[in-house]
Amino acid sequence: MTLLDPFTDELDGPMYVVTAAAGGQRAGCLVGFASQCSIDPPRFCVWLSTANRTYRLAREAEHLTVHLLHQGDRAVAELFGEETGDRVDKFARVRWRPGEAGSPVLDPLSTWFTGRIVGHVEGGDHVGFLLAPVAVCPPHGDPPPPLLRYRQLRDLDPGHPA
């Protein structure tokens, strides 16, 4: 238990899959720490665990793609949350296409944006990647599908410890 648990235990934020490409390699992971952090200019910060392969590859990448998960996306969440790219090619198990600077865009996920990495924020066991958007998914119908949230994925067995 940490000092912050009484506060964070009540949170139920949206979940994301973040993908990166650099040096001819791809990586991606399930992320729960992310948020828009500026309106003008538009900026978004996504926090990656220093324990996982996606973080190591993202340090070399120019762009990251952030995919917002909806309730029908649990299988993708399981793949990118329970498997580790140190042992498994996750991209062999999902349809994807190269986006900006090769950053993978996952075809099954309808809500995403790609951001150029413009800064880093050290935060302990996670590092924030500050993103300036350069590409975004096409708009889809109203209302948007319900989001897949943290509490719906608490039972996943992570591919790496936090």
Protein backbone atom coordinates (compact mmCIF):
# COMPACT_ATOMS: atom_id res chain seq x y z
CA MET A 1 0.00 0.00 0.00
CA THR A 2 1.23 3.49 -0.81
CA LEU A 3 0.35 6.84 0.70
CA LEU A 4 -1.61 7.75 -2.45
CA ASP A 5 -3.80 4.59 -2.52
CA PRO A 6 -6.85 6.10 -0.75
CA PHE A 7 -7.05 8.64 -3.58
CA THR A 8 -6.07 6.48 -6.58
CA ASP A 9 -8.26 3.53 -5.53
CA GLU A 10 -11.29 5.63 -6.47
CA LEU A 11 -10.02 6.42 -9.96
CA ASP A 12 -11.25 4.46 -12.97
CA GLY A 13 -9.54 6.13 -15.90
CA PRO A 14 -9.55 5.11 -19.53
CA MET A 15 -6.99 2.63 -20.82
CA TYR A 16 -4.71 3.00 -23.81
CA VAL A 17 -2.32 0.97 -25.96
CA VAL A 18 0.79 2.95 -26.88
CA THR A 19 2.95 1.87 -29.82
CA ALA A 20 6.42 2.92 -30.98
CA ALA A 21 8.90 2.12 -33.73
CA ALA A 22 12.63 2.77 -33.96
CA GLY A 23 15.62 1.07 -35.53
CA GLY A 24 13.45 -1.36 -37.49
CA GLN A 25 11.74 -2.60 -34.31
CA ARG A 26 8.18 -2.19 -32.97
CA ALA A 27 6.83 -2.22 -29.44
CA GLY A 28 3.57 -1.54 -27.66
CA CYS A 29 2.07 -1.77 -24.21
CA LEU A 30 -1.09 -1.20 -22.19
CA VAL A 31 -1.07 2.17 -20.42
CA GLY A 32 -3.29 3.60 -17.72
CA PHE A 33 -1.41 6.84 -17.01
CA ALA A 34 -2.09 9.39 -19.75
CA SER A 35 -3.81 12.74 -20.21
CA GLN A 36 -4.16 15.81 -22.32
CA CYS A 37 -1.98 18.39 -20.60
CA SER A 38 -2.27 21.51 -22.79
CA ILE A 39 -4.94 23.03 -25.01
CA ASP A 40 -2.84 25.61 -26.86
CA PRO A 41 -0.57 24.23 -28.09
CA PRO A 42 -2.26 20.81 -27.96
CA ARG A 43 -0.19 18.39 -25.89
CA PHE A 44 -0.75 14.95 -24.39
CA CYS A 45 1.46 13.12 -21.91
CA VAL A 46 1.66 9.35 -21.75
CA TRP A 47 3.58 7.61 -18.97
CA LEU A 48 5.54 4.43 -19.74
CA SER A 49 6.94 2.01 -17.17
CA THR A 50 10.72 1.94 -17.21
CA ALA A 51 10.52 -1.86 -16.78
CA ASN A 52 9.10 -2.62 -20.20
CA ARG A 53 10.40 -2.92 -23.74
CA THR A 54 8.09 -0.22 -25.08
CA TYR A 55 9.78 2.34 -22.83
CA ARG A 56 13.24 1.28 -24.03
CA LEU A 57 12.21 1.55 -27.69
CA ALA A 58 10.25 4.78 -27.14
CA ARG A 59 13.43 6.44 -25.88
CA GLU A 60 14.78 6.01 -29.43
CA ALA A 61 11.53 6.81 -31.28
CA GLU A 62 10.47 10.14 -32.80
CA HIS A 63 6.71 9.47 -32.47
CA LEU A 64 4.30 7.42 -30.37
CA THR A 65 0.78 6.36 -31.29
CA VAL A 66 -1.76 6.43 -28.48
CA HIS A 67 -4.84 4.22 -28.98
CA LEU A 68 -7.89 4.76 -26.77
CA LEU A 69 -9.57 1.47 -25.78
CA HIS A 70 -13.32 0.88 -25.94
CA GLN A 71 -15.21 -1.90 -24.17
CA GLY A 72 -15.03 -4.20 -27.21
CA ASP A 73 -11.21 -3.98 -27.25
CA ARG A 74 -10.45 -6.28 -24.31
CA ALA A 75 -8.59 -8.84 -26.47
CA VAL A 76 -6.17 -6.15 -27.65
CA ALA A 77 -5.78 -4.94 -24.05
CA GLU A 78 -4.94 -8.48 -22.95
CA LEU A 79 -2.37 -8.90 -25.75
CA PHE A 80 -0.59 -5.62 -25.04
CA GLY A 81 -0.99 -5.83 -21.26
CA GLU A 82 -0.24 -9.47 -20.48
CA GLU A 83 2.41 -10.26 -23.09
CA THR A 84 5.88 -8.75 -23.23
CA GLY A 85 7.67 -7.86 -26.43
CA ASP A 86 10.79 -9.33 -24.84
CA ARG A 87 9.31 -12.78 -25.58
CA VAL A 88 6.40 -12.32 -28.05
CA ASP A 89 5.89 -10.44 -31.32
CA LYS A 90 2.57 -8.82 -30.42
CA PHE A 91 2.28 -7.32 -33.90
CA ALA A 92 2.15 -10.77 -35.46
CA ARG A 93 -1.13 -11.26 -33.55
CA VAL A 94 -2.96 -8.05 -34.57
CA ARG A 95 -3.60 -6.13 -37.79
CA TRP A 96 -1.60 -2.93 -37.94
CA ARG A 97 -0.12 -0.48 -40.40
CA PRO A 98 2.81 1.92 -40.20
CA GLY A 99 1.82 5.47 -39.30
CA GLU A 100 3.93 8.60 -38.93
CA ALA A 101 7.65 7.70 -38.85
CA GLY A 102 6.59 4.03 -38.80
CA SER A 103 4.77 4.26 -35.47
CA PRO A 104 2.30 1.34 -35.58
CA VAL A 105 -1.41 2.11 -35.89
CA LEU A 106 -3.50 -0.83 -34.68
CA ASP A 107 -6.34 -1.40 -37.17
CA PRO A 108 -8.82 -2.92 -34.67
CA LEU A 109 -8.71 0.27 -32.57
CA SER A 110 -10.79 3.12 -33.96
CA THR A 111 -9.66 6.02 -31.74
CA TRP A 112 -5.99 7.00 -31.87
CA PHE A 113 -3.53 9.81 -32.49
CA THR A 114 0.16 9.92 -33.28
CA GLY A 115 2.32 12.46 -31.52
CA ARG A 116 5.85 13.70 -32.05
CA ILE A 117 7.84 13.33 -28.84
CA VAL A 118 8.74 16.85 -27.70
CA GLY A 119 9.89 16.14 -24.15
CA HIS A 120 10.25 13.71 -21.26
CA VAL A 121 9.23 13.99 -17.60
CA GLU A 122 10.96 11.78 -15.06
CA GLY A 123 8.39 10.42 -12.63
CA GLY A 124 9.92 7.53 -10.69
CA ASP A 125 9.15 4.08 -12.13
CA HIS A 126 7.37 5.73 -15.11
CA VAL A 127 8.60 8.38 -17.55
CA GLY A 128 6.21 10.83 -19.19
CA PHE A 129 6.48 11.30 -22.95
CA LEU A 130 5.13 14.72 -23.95
CA LEU A 131 3.49 14.46 -27.36
CA ALA A 132 2.56 17.07 -29.99
CA PRO A 133 -0.15 15.55 -32.21
CA VAL A 134 0.71 15.10 -35.90
CA ALA A 135 -2.01 12.63 -37.04
CA VAL A 136 -5.39 11.60 -35.69
CA CYS A 137 -8.01 8.97 -36.47
CA PRO A 138 -10.94 9.92 -38.66
CA PRO A 139 -14.06 10.93 -36.74
CA HIS A 140 -16.65 8.23 -36.06
CA GLY A 141 -20.36 8.27 -35.30
CA ASP A 142 -22.17 9.56 -32.27
CA PRO A 143 -22.33 8.47 -29.61
CA PRO A 144 -18.84 6.99 -29.28
CA PRO A 145 -18.65 3.48 -27.85
CA PRO A 146 -18.13 3.17 -24.07
CA LEU A 147 -14.50 3.26 -22.94
CA LEU A 148 -12.60 0.33 -21.51
CA ARG A 149 -11.59 1.41 -18.02
CA TYR A 150 -8.97 0.43 -15.46
CA ARG A 151 -11.35 -1.49 -13.18
CA GLN A 152 -12.38 -3.70 -16.12
CA LEU A 153 -8.74 -4.76 -16.60
CA ARG A 154 -7.54 -5.10 -13.00
CA ASP A 155 -7.51 -8.89 -13.38
CA LEU A 156 -4.81 -8.87 -16.11
CA ASP A 157 -1.46 -10.46 -15.28
CA PRO A 158 1.13 -7.90 -16.49
CA GLY A 159 3.90 -8.97 -18.83
CA HIS A 160 6.30 -6.90 -16.64
CA PRO A 161 5.98 -5.57 -13.10
CA ALA A 162 5.19 -1.84 -12.93
